[in-house]
């Protein structure tokens, strides 16, 4: 009996070619759903109007906002019994005064250069697949190469270690800012493989240790250690400002714990063990530029406030 109700939906999704990269028009009946977050006042009012909802509402979709599907095809055509939700991210018209996101951006993907249309992963929309429109899907990335790039961009989101939000909002932002600042003075970043962190939640403030492996055979290897030291010093000086800003955004000091960078170690590849790489989780930075497996440098980025 269950198959009889599931099959028509799956068949419709297949027939209408819903897939990653398809356009979804903005609708008032689709909501962002993140069960780990509390309801906003706007969502509480909406929930009270509608009554009991199948999924928790966090933010209401803006009236004119369009979206792009980021769920994989295999998830879209899976039975709703086991995979009931579909995921999309907003499509935004990028302001003329801001530079367009580049291919290295972890949060934003340029869909259409002429229209300055950008997919923005800083927010996400989760909704029941039954709400997918009943018409043929419109693929926003008909070029096979661009579509593969979009799929890879979506996959990067799920391959990153999920650090606590208050780590990202404090240490993450401070390092992000310091990397952009110090990279203007040195090419040492070009030899660095990754920035990695070990977080000790049992201390107050939360203690963070950093491991920064670099390629000792790279032409810029001699500048790597001094570059790392300069970045850490700048990040430490920046941390109080990031903490204050994060607490202001959260509306509560209790929601954002204080962090400190207790120590750091920049180490050549030939002195870095697999155990080190396993113990220290990699931090993702939006503005690192990759060419194959090599980081070519750090691009400056705009302040977000």
C-alpha atoms as a PDB file:
ATOM      1  CA  UNK A   1       0.000   0.000   0.000  1.00  0.00           C
ATOM      2  CA  UNK A   2       2.858   2.368   0.863  1.00  0.00           C
ATOM      3  CA  UNK A   3       4.494   1.793  -2.530  1.00  0.00           C
ATOM      4  CA  UNK A   4       1.302   2.785  -4.322  1.00  0.00           C
ATOM      5  CA  UNK A   5       1.367   6.222  -2.646  1.00  0.00           C
ATOM      6  CA  UNK A   6       5.118   6.754  -3.052  1.00  0.00           C
ATOM      7  CA  UNK A   7       5.519   5.628  -6.642  1.00  0.00           C
ATOM      8  CA  UNK A   8       3.549   8.444  -8.355  1.00  0.00           C
ATOM      9  CA  UNK A   9       5.675  11.142  -6.688  1.00  0.00           C
ATOM     10  CA  UNK A  10       8.953   9.444  -7.606  1.00  0.00           C
ATOM     11  CA  UNK A  11       7.745   8.888 -11.148  1.00  0.00           C
ATOM     12  CA  UNK A  12       6.740  12.546 -11.442  1.00  0.00           C
ATOM     13  CA  UNK A  13      10.121  13.793 -10.184  1.00  0.00           C
ATOM     14  CA  UNK A  14      11.907  11.533 -12.685  1.00  0.00           C
ATOM     15  CA  UNK A  15       9.635  12.497 -15.566  1.00  0.00           C
ATOM     16  CA  UNK A  16       9.944  16.224 -14.900  1.00  0.00           C
ATOM     17  CA  UNK A  17      13.764  15.994 -14.561  1.00  0.00           C
ATOM     18  CA  UNK A  18      14.153  17.603 -11.130  1.00  0.00           C
ATOM     19  CA  UNK A  19      17.862  17.619 -10.272  1.00  0.00           C
ATOM     20  CA  UNK A  20      20.658  19.684  -8.732  1.00  0.00           C
ATOM     21  CA  UNK A  21      20.762  23.082 -10.395  1.00  0.00           C
ATOM     22  CA  UNK A  22      17.041  23.354 -11.164  1.00  0.00           C
ATOM     23  CA  UNK A  23      15.195  26.614 -10.617  1.00  0.00           C
ATOM     24  CA  UNK A  24      12.554  26.854  -7.921  1.00  0.00           C
ATOM     25  CA  UNK A  25      10.391  29.966  -7.918  1.00  0.00           C
ATOM     26  CA  UNK A  26       9.887  31.705  -4.581  1.00  0.00           C
ATOM     27  CA  UNK A  27       6.764  30.488  -2.808  1.00  0.00           C
ATOM     28  CA  UNK A  28       5.077  31.598   0.391  1.00  0.00           C
ATOM     29  CA  UNK A  29       4.387  27.992   1.389  1.00  0.00           C
ATOM     30  CA  UNK A  30       8.039  26.883   1.468  1.00  0.00           C
ATOM     31  CA  UNK A  31      10.024  27.421   4.603  1.00  0.00           C
ATOM     32  CA  UNK A  32      13.577  27.058   5.822  1.00  0.00           C
ATOM     33  CA  UNK A  33      13.665  24.105   8.193  1.00  0.00           C
ATOM     34  CA  UNK A  34      16.560  23.548  10.544  1.00  0.00           C
ATOM     35  CA  UNK A  35      15.584  21.443  13.517  1.00  0.00           C
ATOM     36  CA  UNK A  36      18.671  22.545  15.450  1.00  0.00           C
ATOM     37  CA  UNK A  37      17.541  26.199  15.493  1.00  0.00           C
ATOM     38  CA  UNK A  38      14.753  27.866  17.470  1.00  0.00           C
ATOM     39  CA  UNK A  39      11.798  29.480  15.792  1.00  0.00           C
ATOM     40  CA  UNK A  40      12.105  33.156  14.945  1.00  0.00           C
ATOM     41  CA  UNK A  41       9.260  35.459  16.092  1.00  0.00           C
ATOM     42  CA  UNK A  42       8.087  35.767  12.474  1.00  0.00           C
ATOM     43  CA  UNK A  43       7.984  31.995  12.080  1.00  0.00           C
ATOM     44  CA  UNK A  44       6.158  31.569  15.399  1.00  0.00           C
ATOM     45  CA  UNK A  45       3.440  33.936  14.224  1.00  0.00           C
ATOM     46  CA  UNK A  46       3.174  32.110  10.904  1.00  0.00           C
ATOM     47  CA  UNK A  47       3.056  28.724  12.626  1.00  0.00           C
ATOM     48  CA  UNK A  48       0.276  29.985  14.893  1.00  0.00           C
ATOM     49  CA  UNK A  49      -1.729  31.074  11.838  1.00  0.00           C
ATOM     50  CA  UNK A  50      -1.240  27.818   9.942  1.00  0.00           C
ATOM     51  CA  UNK A  51      -1.501  25.425  12.863  1.00  0.00           C
ATOM     52  CA  UNK A  52       0.588  22.302  13.394  1.00  0.00           C
ATOM     53  CA  UNK A  53       3.234  21.853  10.692  1.00  0.00           C
ATOM     54  CA  UNK A  54       4.942  18.712   9.429  1.00  0.00           C
ATOM     55  CA  UNK A  55       8.402  20.246   9.735  1.00  0.00           C
ATOM     56  CA  UNK A  56       9.673  22.961  12.030  1.00  0.00           C
ATOM     57  CA  UNK A  57       9.583  26.437  10.504  1.00  0.00           C
ATOM     58  CA  UNK A  58      12.552  28.716  11.070  1.00  0.00           C
ATOM     59  CA  UNK A  59      12.369  31.499   8.495  1.00  0.00           C
ATOM     60  CA  UNK A  60       9.672  32.424   6.025  1.00  0.00           C
ATOM     61  CA  UNK A  61      10.732  32.649   2.382  1.00  0.00           C
ATOM     62  CA  UNK A  62      10.794  36.190   1.048  1.00  0.00           C
ATOM     63  CA  UNK A  63       8.077  36.903  -1.448  1.00  0.00           C
ATOM     64  CA  UNK A  64      10.262  37.497  -4.522  1.00  0.00           C
ATOM     65  CA  UNK A  65      13.062  35.095  -3.633  1.00  0.00           C
ATOM     66  CA  UNK A  66      13.997  32.354  -6.047  1.00  0.00           C
ATOM     67  CA  UNK A  67      15.886  29.196  -5.187  1.00  0.00           C
ATOM     68  CA  UNK A  68      18.102  26.579  -6.771  1.00  0.00           C
ATOM     69  CA  UNK A  69      17.927  22.873  -5.924  1.00  0.00           C
ATOM     70  CA  UNK A  70      21.052  21.485  -4.234  1.00  0.00           C
ATOM     71  CA  UNK A  71      19.728  18.010  -3.347  1.00  0.00           C
ATOM     72  CA  UNK A  72      21.314  15.228  -5.398  1.00  0.00           C
ATOM     73  CA  UNK A  73      19.264  13.370  -8.010  1.00  0.00           C
ATOM     74  CA  UNK A  74      19.553  10.130  -6.015  1.00  0.00           C
ATOM     75  CA  UNK A  75      17.962  11.839  -2.987  1.00  0.00           C
ATOM     76  CA  UNK A  76      15.232  13.464  -5.057  1.00  0.00           C
ATOM     77  CA  UNK A  77      14.075  10.163  -6.553  1.00  0.00           C
ATOM     78  CA  UNK A  78      14.455   8.200  -3.308  1.00  0.00           C
ATOM     79  CA  UNK A  79      11.281   7.104  -1.548  1.00  0.00           C
ATOM     80  CA  UNK A  80       9.778   9.881   0.614  1.00  0.00           C
ATOM     81  CA  UNK A  81       9.444   7.274   3.368  1.00  0.00           C
ATOM     82  CA  UNK A  82      13.208   7.358   3.858  1.00  0.00           C
ATOM     83  CA  UNK A  83      14.125  10.716   2.267  1.00  0.00           C
ATOM     84  CA  UNK A  84      11.117  13.030   2.627  1.00  0.00           C
ATOM     85  CA  UNK A  85      12.885  16.389   2.263  1.00  0.00           C
ATOM     86  CA  UNK A  86      14.398  18.356  -0.585  1.00  0.00           C
ATOM     87  CA  UNK A  87      17.012  21.086  -0.121  1.00  0.00           C
ATOM     88  CA  UNK A  88      17.503  24.353  -1.975  1.00  0.00           C
ATOM     89  CA  UNK A  89      19.466  27.565  -1.426  1.00  0.00           C
ATOM     90  CA  UNK A  90      18.456  31.131  -2.325  1.00  0.00           C
ATOM     91  CA  UNK A  91      19.301  32.769  -5.650  1.00  0.00           C
ATOM     92  CA  UNK A  92      20.253  36.390  -5.112  1.00  0.00           C
ATOM     93  CA  UNK A  93      20.970  39.282  -7.461  1.00  0.00           C
ATOM     94  CA  UNK A  94      24.518  40.253  -6.490  1.00  0.00           C
ATOM     95  CA  UNK A  95      24.917  44.005  -5.773  1.00  0.00           C
ATOM     96  CA  UNK A  96      26.722  45.981  -8.470  1.00  0.00           C
ATOM     97  CA  UNK A  97      29.085  47.526  -5.953  1.00  0.00           C
ATOM     98  CA  UNK A  98      30.445  44.144  -4.797  1.00  0.00           C
ATOM     99  CA  UNK A  99      32.830  41.921  -6.698  1.00  0.00           C
ATOM    100  CA  UNK A 100      31.291  38.710  -8.022  1.00  0.00           C
ATOM    101  CA  UNK A 101      32.069  35.513  -6.065  1.00  0.00           C
ATOM    102  CA  UNK A 102      34.964  33.572  -7.545  1.00  0.00           C
ATOM    103  CA  UNK A 103      35.233  29.843  -8.237  1.00  0.00           C
ATOM    104  CA  UNK A 104      36.978  29.322  -4.901  1.00  0.00           C
ATOM    105  CA  UNK A 105      34.040  30.574  -2.822  1.00  0.00           C
ATOM    106  CA  UNK A 106      32.724  27.983  -0.370  1.00  0.00           C
ATOM    107  CA  UNK A 107      29.471  29.844   0.322  1.00  0.00           C
ATOM    108  CA  UNK A 108      28.470  31.336  -3.013  1.00  0.00           C
ATOM    109  CA  UNK A 109      28.352  30.080  -6.603  1.00  0.00           C
ATOM    110  CA  UNK A 110      28.038  32.335  -9.641  1.00  0.00           C
ATOM    111  CA  UNK A 111      25.131  31.033 -11.735  1.00  0.00           C
ATOM    112  CA  UNK A 112      24.826  33.784 -14.350  1.00  0.00           C
ATOM    113  CA  UNK A 113      27.557  36.415 -14.800  1.00  0.00           C
ATOM    114  CA  UNK A 114      25.481  38.762 -16.976  1.00  0.00           C
ATOM    115  CA  UNK A 115      22.512  38.793 -14.599  1.00  0.00           C
ATOM    116  CA  UNK A 116      24.845  38.682 -11.554  1.00  0.00           C
ATOM    117  CA  UNK A 117      22.785  35.752 -10.248  1.00  0.00           C
ATOM    118  CA  UNK A 118      24.404  33.941  -7.317  1.00  0.00           C
ATOM    119  CA  UNK A 119      23.480  30.812  -5.318  1.00  0.00           C
ATOM    120  CA  UNK A 120      23.995  31.594  -1.627  1.00  0.00           C
ATOM    121  CA  UNK A 121      24.642  28.730   0.820  1.00  0.00           C
ATOM    122  CA  UNK A 122      24.594  30.972   3.883  1.00  0.00           C
ATOM    123  CA  UNK A 123      20.902  30.013   4.161  1.00  0.00           C
ATOM    124  CA  UNK A 124      19.135  26.821   3.157  1.00  0.00           C
ATOM    125  CA  UNK A 125      15.582  25.725   2.490  1.00  0.00           C
ATOM    126  CA  UNK A 126      14.388  22.267   3.484  1.00  0.00           C
ATOM    127  CA  UNK A 127      10.890  21.257   2.466  1.00  0.00           C
ATOM    128  CA  UNK A 128       8.888  18.154   1.671  1.00  0.00           C
ATOM    129  CA  UNK A 129       9.461  16.793  -1.837  1.00  0.00           C
ATOM    130  CA  UNK A 130       5.735  16.690  -2.408  1.00  0.00           C
ATOM    131  CA  UNK A 131       5.929  20.504  -2.654  1.00  0.00           C
ATOM    132  CA  UNK A 132       8.105  20.395  -5.775  1.00  0.00           C
ATOM    133  CA  UNK A 133       6.057  22.130  -8.514  1.00  0.00           C
ATOM    134  CA  UNK A 134       4.131  19.825 -10.821  1.00  0.00           C
ATOM    135  CA  UNK A 135       5.773  20.893 -14.091  1.00  0.00           C
ATOM    136  CA  UNK A 136       8.945  20.228 -16.071  1.00  0.00           C
ATOM    137  CA  UNK A 137      12.025  21.438 -14.219  1.00  0.00           C
ATOM    138  CA  UNK A 138      14.170  24.300 -15.603  1.00  0.00           C
ATOM    139  CA  UNK A 139      17.891  23.553 -15.354  1.00  0.00           C
ATOM    140  CA  UNK A 140      19.869  26.750 -14.684  1.00  0.00           C
ATOM    141  CA  UNK A 141      23.168  25.150 -15.682  1.00  0.00           C
ATOM    142  CA  UNK A 142      22.662  23.490 -19.079  1.00  0.00           C
ATOM    143  CA  UNK A 143      26.404  23.518 -19.789  1.00  0.00           C
ATOM    144  CA  UNK A 144      27.814  20.150 -18.634  1.00  0.00           C
ATOM    145  CA  UNK A 145      31.067  21.653 -17.349  1.00  0.00           C
ATOM    146  CA  UNK A 146      29.300  24.346 -15.307  1.00  0.00           C
ATOM    147  CA  UNK A 147      26.876  21.750 -13.926  1.00  0.00           C
ATOM    148  CA  UNK A 148      29.770  19.530 -12.784  1.00  0.00           C
ATOM    149  CA  UNK A 149      31.361  22.553 -11.101  1.00  0.00           C
ATOM    150  CA  UNK A 150      28.089  23.264  -9.293  1.00  0.00           C
ATOM    151  CA  UNK A 151      27.810  19.650  -8.129  1.00  0.00           C
ATOM    152  CA  UNK A 152      31.385  19.788  -6.813  1.00  0.00           C
ATOM    153  CA  UNK A 153      30.613  23.066  -5.029  1.00  0.00           C
ATOM    154  CA  UNK A 154      27.569  21.482  -3.362  1.00  0.00           C
ATOM    155  CA  UNK A 155      29.627  18.448  -2.316  1.00  0.00           C
ATOM    156  CA  UNK A 156      32.289  20.602  -0.649  1.00  0.00           C
ATOM    157  CA  UNK A 157      29.726  21.767   1.886  1.00  0.00           C
ATOM    158  CA  UNK A 158      29.203  18.258   3.217  1.00  0.00           C
ATOM    159  CA  UNK A 159      32.894  17.319   3.228  1.00  0.00           C
ATOM    160  CA  UNK A 160      33.856  20.041   5.711  1.00  0.00           C
ATOM    161  CA  UNK A 161      34.190  19.348   9.427  1.00  0.00           C
ATOM    162  CA  UNK A 162      31.246  20.776  11.368  1.00  0.00           C
ATOM    163  CA  UNK A 163      32.954  22.973  13.984  1.00  0.00           C
ATOM    164  CA  UNK A 164      30.691  24.463  16.687  1.00  0.00           C
ATOM    165  CA  UNK A 165      28.932  27.645  15.585  1.00  0.00           C
ATOM    166  CA  UNK A 166      30.632  29.783  18.213  1.00  0.00           C
ATOM    167  CA  UNK A 167      34.065  28.534  17.045  1.00  0.00           C
ATOM    168  CA  UNK A 168      33.197  29.549  13.477  1.00  0.00           C
ATOM    169  CA  UNK A 169      31.838  32.922  14.621  1.00  0.00           C
ATOM    170  CA  UNK A 170      34.929  33.768  16.721  1.00  0.00           C
ATOM    171  CA  UNK A 171      38.128  31.881  15.895  1.00  0.00           C
ATOM    172  CA  UNK A 172      37.006  31.097  12.346  1.00  0.00           C
ATOM    173  CA  UNK A 173      36.207  34.712  11.525  1.00  0.00           C
ATOM    174  CA  UNK A 174      39.363  35.983  13.238  1.00  0.00           C
ATOM    175  CA  UNK A 175      41.572  33.605  11.240  1.00  0.00           C
ATOM    176  CA  UNK A 176      39.657  34.418   8.070  1.00  0.00           C
ATOM    177  CA  UNK A 177      40.294  38.141   8.598  1.00  0.00           C
ATOM    178  CA  UNK A 178      43.947  37.630   9.548  1.00  0.00           C
ATOM    179  CA  UNK A 179      44.626  35.427   6.509  1.00  0.00           C
ATOM    180  CA  UNK A 180      43.271  38.061   4.147  1.00  0.00           C
ATOM    181  CA  UNK A 181      45.297  40.781   5.892  1.00  0.00           C
ATOM    182  CA  UNK A 182      48.637  38.984   6.097  1.00  0.00           C
ATOM    183  CA  UNK A 183      48.465  37.485   2.604  1.00  0.00           C
ATOM    184  CA  UNK A 184      48.862  40.989   1.200  1.00  0.00           C
ATOM    185  CA  UNK A 185      52.331  41.140   2.796  1.00  0.00           C
ATOM    186  CA  UNK A 186      53.704  37.648   2.156  1.00  0.00           C
ATOM    187  CA  UNK A 187      53.544  34.756  -0.322  1.00  0.00           C
ATOM    188  CA  UNK A 188      53.980  32.230   2.487  1.00  0.00           C
ATOM    189  CA  UNK A 189      50.373  31.060   2.111  1.00  0.00           C
ATOM    190  CA  UNK A 190      51.239  29.493  -1.242  1.00  0.00           C
ATOM    191  CA  UNK A 191      53.222  26.719   0.473  1.00  0.00           C
ATOM    192  CA  UNK A 192      50.559  25.923   3.078  1.00  0.00           C
ATOM    193  CA  UNK A 193      48.481  22.781   2.689  1.00  0.00           C
ATOM    194  CA  UNK A 194      45.719  23.476   5.226  1.00  0.00           C
ATOM    195  CA  UNK A 195      44.841  25.082   8.543  1.00  0.00           C
ATOM    196  CA  UNK A 196      43.751  22.527  11.124  1.00  0.00           C
ATOM    197  CA  UNK A 197      42.331  22.881  14.637  1.00  0.00           C
ATOM    198  CA  UNK A 198      41.946  20.838  17.809  1.00  0.00           C
ATOM    199  CA  UNK A 199      39.201  22.261  20.055  1.00  0.00           C
ATOM    200  CA  UNK A 200      39.093  21.504  23.795  1.00  0.00           C
ATOM    201  CA  UNK A 201      35.520  22.171  24.950  1.00  0.00           C
ATOM    202  CA  UNK A 202      36.420  21.321  28.544  1.00  0.00           C
ATOM    203  CA  UNK A 203      38.219  24.599  29.214  1.00  0.00           C
ATOM    204  CA  UNK A 204      37.030  28.151  29.865  1.00  0.00           C
ATOM    205  CA  UNK A 205      37.763  29.960  27.606  1.00  0.00           C
ATOM    206  CA  UNK A 206      37.538  27.182  25.003  1.00  0.00           C
ATOM    207  CA  UNK A 207      41.119  26.261  24.101  1.00  0.00           C
ATOM    208  CA  UNK A 208      42.060  25.971  20.419  1.00  0.00           C
ATOM    209  CA  UNK A 209      45.335  24.526  19.123  1.00  0.00           C
ATOM    210  CA  UNK A 210      46.319  24.971  15.478  1.00  0.00           C
ATOM    211  CA  UNK A 211      48.364  22.763  13.160  1.00  0.00           C
ATOM    212  CA  UNK A 212      49.476  24.222   9.806  1.00  0.00           C
ATOM    213  CA  UNK A 213      51.296  21.727   7.550  1.00  0.00           C
ATOM    214  CA  UNK A 214      53.192  23.115   4.566  1.00  0.00           C
ATOM    215  CA  UNK A 215      55.116  21.768   1.579  1.00  0.00           C
ATOM    216  CA  UNK A 216      58.816  22.105   2.313  1.00  0.00           C
ATOM    217  CA  UNK A 217      59.592  21.659  -1.417  1.00  0.00           C
ATOM    218  CA  UNK A 218      57.464  24.634  -2.483  1.00  0.00           C
ATOM    219  CA  UNK A 219      59.406  27.746  -3.640  1.00  0.00           C
ATOM    220  CA  UNK A 220      57.679  29.806  -0.916  1.00  0.00           C
ATOM    221  CA  UNK A 221      58.295  27.272   1.873  1.00  0.00           C
ATOM    222  CA  UNK A 222      60.868  29.518   3.560  1.00  0.00           C
ATOM    223  CA  UNK A 223      58.158  32.111   4.234  1.00  0.00           C
ATOM    224  CA  UNK A 224      55.521  29.690   5.531  1.00  0.00           C
ATOM    225  CA  UNK A 225      56.409  29.655   9.239  1.00  0.00           C
ATOM    226  CA  UNK A 226      56.720  33.445   9.556  1.00  0.00           C
ATOM    227  CA  UNK A 227      53.441  33.818   7.677  1.00  0.00           C
ATOM    228  CA  UNK A 228      51.660  31.427  10.048  1.00  0.00           C
ATOM    229  CA  UNK A 229      53.065  33.272  13.068  1.00  0.00           C
ATOM    230  CA  UNK A 230      51.868  36.625  11.698  1.00  0.00           C
ATOM    231  CA  UNK A 231      48.385  35.225  10.963  1.00  0.00           C
ATOM    232  CA  UNK A 232      48.018  33.763  14.465  1.00  0.00           C
ATOM    233  CA  UNK A 233      49.160  37.002  16.130  1.00  0.00           C
ATOM    234  CA  UNK A 234      46.688  39.022  14.055  1.00  0.00           C
ATOM    235  CA  UNK A 235      43.892  36.522  14.770  1.00  0.00           C
ATOM    236  CA  UNK A 236      44.549  36.645  18.518  1.00  0.00           C
ATOM    237  CA  UNK A 237      44.353  40.450  18.448  1.00  0.00           C
ATOM    238  CA  UNK A 238      41.131  40.242  16.416  1.00  0.00           C
ATOM    239  CA  UNK A 239      39.374  37.695  18.639  1.00  0.00           C
ATOM    240  CA  UNK A 240      37.830  40.145  21.192  1.00  0.00           C
ATOM    241  CA  UNK A 241      36.171  42.098  18.371  1.00  0.00           C
ATOM    242  CA  UNK A 242      34.804  38.907  16.786  1.00  0.00           C
ATOM    243  CA  UNK A 243      33.502  37.695  20.164  1.00  0.00           C
ATOM    244  CA  UNK A 244      31.672  40.972  20.808  1.00  0.00           C
ATOM    245  CA  UNK A 245      30.184  40.973  17.299  1.00  0.00           C
ATOM    246  CA  UNK A 246      29.094  37.324  17.569  1.00  0.00           C
ATOM    247  CA  UNK A 247      27.373  37.925  20.905  1.00  0.00           C
ATOM    248  CA  UNK A 248      25.630  40.987  19.490  1.00  0.00           C
ATOM    249  CA  UNK A 249      24.353  38.943  16.514  1.00  0.00           C
ATOM    250  CA  UNK A 250      23.216  36.134  18.833  1.00  0.00           C
ATOM    251  CA  UNK A 251      21.536  38.557  21.238  1.00  0.00           C
ATOM    252  CA  UNK A 252      23.061  36.713  24.196  1.00  0.00           C
ATOM    253  CA  UNK A 253      26.526  36.292  25.673  1.00  0.00           C
ATOM    254  CA  UNK A 254      25.645  32.796  26.847  1.00  0.00           C
ATOM    255  CA  UNK A 255      25.113  31.583  23.277  1.00  0.00           C
ATOM    256  CA  UNK A 256      28.709  32.340  22.238  1.00  0.00           C
ATOM    257  CA  UNK A 257      31.551  30.994  24.357  1.00  0.00           C
ATOM    258  CA  UNK A 258      34.865  32.804  24.604  1.00  0.00           C
ATOM    259  CA  UNK A 259      37.713  31.080  22.727  1.00  0.00           C
ATOM    260  CA  UNK A 260      41.460  31.464  22.821  1.00  0.00           C
ATOM    261  CA  UNK A 261      44.188  30.273  20.450  1.00  0.00           C
ATOM    262  CA  UNK A 262      46.320  28.480  23.017  1.00  0.00           C
ATOM    263  CA  UNK A 263      49.072  27.344  20.674  1.00  0.00           C
ATOM    264  CA  UNK A 264      50.035  26.727  17.082  1.00  0.00           C
ATOM    265  CA  UNK A 265      52.530  24.666  15.132  1.00  0.00           C
ATOM    266  CA  UNK A 266      53.591  25.099  11.514  1.00  0.00           C
ATOM    267  CA  UNK A 267      55.156  21.872  10.335  1.00  0.00           C
ATOM    268  CA  UNK A 268      56.663  20.624   7.062  1.00  0.00           C
ATOM    269  CA  UNK A 269      55.043  17.691   5.272  1.00  0.00           C
ATOM    270  CA  UNK A 270      57.951  15.377   6.056  1.00  0.00           C
ATOM    271  CA  UNK A 271      57.415  16.014   9.787  1.00  0.00           C
ATOM    272  CA  UNK A 272      53.629  15.673   9.776  1.00  0.00           C
ATOM    273  CA  UNK A 273      52.149  12.282  10.635  1.00  0.00           C
ATOM    274  CA  UNK A 274      48.813  10.766   9.658  1.00  0.00           C
ATOM    275  CA  UNK A 275      47.917  10.830  13.344  1.00  0.00           C
ATOM    276  CA  UNK A 276      48.431  14.613  13.368  1.00  0.00           C
ATOM    277  CA  UNK A 277      46.124  15.016  10.386  1.00  0.00           C
ATOM    278  CA  UNK A 278      43.541  12.758  11.998  1.00  0.00           C
ATOM    279  CA  UNK A 279      43.603  14.542  15.368  1.00  0.00           C
ATOM    280  CA  UNK A 280      43.370  18.066  13.938  1.00  0.00           C
ATOM    281  CA  UNK A 281      40.278  18.826  11.828  1.00  0.00           C
ATOM    282  CA  UNK A 282      40.697  20.936   8.712  1.00  0.00           C
ATOM    283  CA  UNK A 283      39.245  24.454   8.770  1.00  0.00           C
ATOM    284  CA  UNK A 284      37.576  25.589   5.560  1.00  0.00           C
ATOM    285  CA  UNK A 285      38.216  29.158   4.421  1.00  0.00           C
ATOM    286  CA  UNK A 286      36.131  30.646   1.645  1.00  0.00           C
ATOM    287  CA  UNK A 287      38.897  32.654   0.020  1.00  0.00           C
ATOM    288  CA  UNK A 288      41.655  30.035  -0.318  1.00  0.00           C
ATOM    289  CA  UNK A 289      42.471  29.471  -3.986  1.00  0.00           C
ATOM    290  CA  UNK A 290      43.062  25.891  -5.082  1.00  0.00           C
ATOM    291  CA  UNK A 291      44.692  24.574  -8.245  1.00  0.00           C
ATOM    292  CA  UNK A 292      44.433  20.812  -8.120  1.00  0.00           C
ATOM    293  CA  UNK A 293      45.741  19.944  -4.671  1.00  0.00           C
ATOM    294  CA  UNK A 294      47.889  23.065  -4.336  1.00  0.00           C
ATOM    295  CA  UNK A 295      46.844  26.240  -2.582  1.00  0.00           C
ATOM    296  CA  UNK A 296      47.979  29.125  -4.755  1.00  0.00           C
ATOM    297  CA  UNK A 297      47.257  31.916  -2.335  1.00  0.00           C
ATOM    298  CA  UNK A 298      44.692  33.801  -0.310  1.00  0.00           C
ATOM    299  CA  UNK A 299      42.283  36.249  -1.871  1.00  0.00           C
ATOM    300  CA  UNK A 300      41.063  39.306   0.075  1.00  0.00           C
ATOM    301  CA  UNK A 301      37.385  39.383   0.948  1.00  0.00           C
ATOM    302  CA  UNK A 302      34.880  41.984   2.078  1.00  0.00           C
ATOM    303  CA  UNK A 303      33.856  42.541   5.676  1.00  0.00           C
ATOM    304  CA  UNK A 304      30.401  41.146   6.400  1.00  0.00           C
ATOM    305  CA  UNK A 305      29.457  43.933   8.806  1.00  0.00           C
END
